[in-house]
């Protein structure tokens, strides 16, 4: 559960208990979306990009359903 003080919030999750799946997190200050892939004891993080190479930006303020 995200608090109001958290800068990043998970806006999407796909995958189950037995596969790594992926998550999309958004920065509540800039709106930039990040693709996160958890794996074992680590994870990968990269900005989520549009077709033209610009970052995916969610409209602010973010609306997050808990």
Protein backbone atom coordinates (compact mmCIF):
# COMPACT_ATOMS: atom_id res chain seq x y z
CA UNK A 1 0.00 0.00 0.00
CA UNK A 2 1.47 3.34 -1.06
CA UNK A 3 1.51 6.30 1.27
CA UNK A 4 1.10 9.89 0.14
CA UNK A 5 4.82 10.48 0.77
CA UNK A 6 5.95 7.74 -1.67
CA UNK A 7 7.30 9.21 -4.90
CA UNK A 8 6.63 6.10 -7.01
CA UNK A 9 3.42 4.13 -7.27
CA UNK A 10 2.71 0.81 -9.03
CA UNK A 11 0.03 1.34 -11.64
CA UNK A 12 0.05 -2.10 -13.33
CA UNK A 13 1.11 -5.66 -12.55
CA UNK A 14 1.07 -8.74 -14.76
CA UNK A 15 2.24 -12.24 -13.88
CA UNK A 16 1.63 -14.74 -11.17
CA UNK A 17 3.37 -16.35 -8.27
CA UNK A 18 5.45 -18.72 -10.40
CA UNK A 19 6.65 -16.38 -13.16
CA UNK A 20 8.56 -13.13 -12.89
CA UNK A 21 5.93 -11.09 -14.71
CA UNK A 22 6.37 -7.35 -14.89
CA UNK A 23 5.16 -4.16 -13.29
CA UNK A 24 4.73 -0.57 -14.39
CA UNK A 25 5.55 2.11 -11.86
CA UNK A 26 4.91 5.84 -12.26
CA UNK A 27 6.72 8.80 -10.76
CA UNK A 28 4.12 10.96 -8.97
CA UNK A 29 6.22 14.11 -9.54
CA UNK A 30 7.05 13.79 -13.27
CA UNK A 31 4.46 11.23 -14.44
CA UNK A 32 7.18 9.18 -16.20
CA UNK A 33 6.38 5.43 -16.35
CA UNK A 34 8.98 2.73 -15.67
CA UNK A 35 8.96 -0.96 -16.60
CA UNK A 36 10.13 -3.15 -13.70
CA UNK A 37 10.92 -6.85 -14.05
CA UNK A 38 11.64 -8.59 -10.74
CA UNK A 39 13.93 -11.60 -10.99
CA UNK A 40 15.33 -13.67 -8.16
CA UNK A 41 17.19 -11.40 -5.74
CA UNK A 42 17.25 -8.42 -8.10
CA UNK A 43 15.19 -6.60 -10.67
CA UNK A 44 15.50 -4.65 -13.91
CA UNK A 45 14.25 -1.09 -14.33
CA UNK A 46 13.93 0.98 -17.50
CA UNK A 47 11.81 3.94 -18.61
CA UNK A 48 8.80 2.84 -20.64
CA UNK A 49 9.09 4.38 -24.13
CA UNK A 50 6.61 5.37 -26.82
CA UNK A 51 7.12 4.27 -30.41
CA UNK A 52 9.02 7.51 -31.18
CA UNK A 53 11.46 6.95 -28.28
CA UNK A 54 9.99 9.49 -25.87
CA UNK A 55 9.08 8.36 -22.35
CA UNK A 56 5.49 7.36 -21.55
CA UNK A 57 4.12 10.05 -19.24
CA UNK A 58 0.90 9.64 -17.26
CA UNK A 59 -1.26 12.74 -16.73
CA UNK A 60 -0.78 14.31 -13.31
CA UNK A 61 -2.03 14.05 -10.66
CA UNK A 62 -1.95 10.26 -10.84
CA UNK A 63 -5.18 8.51 -9.93
CA UNK A 64 -4.36 5.26 -8.21
CA UNK A 65 -7.00 2.76 -7.15
CA UNK A 66 -5.91 0.85 -4.04
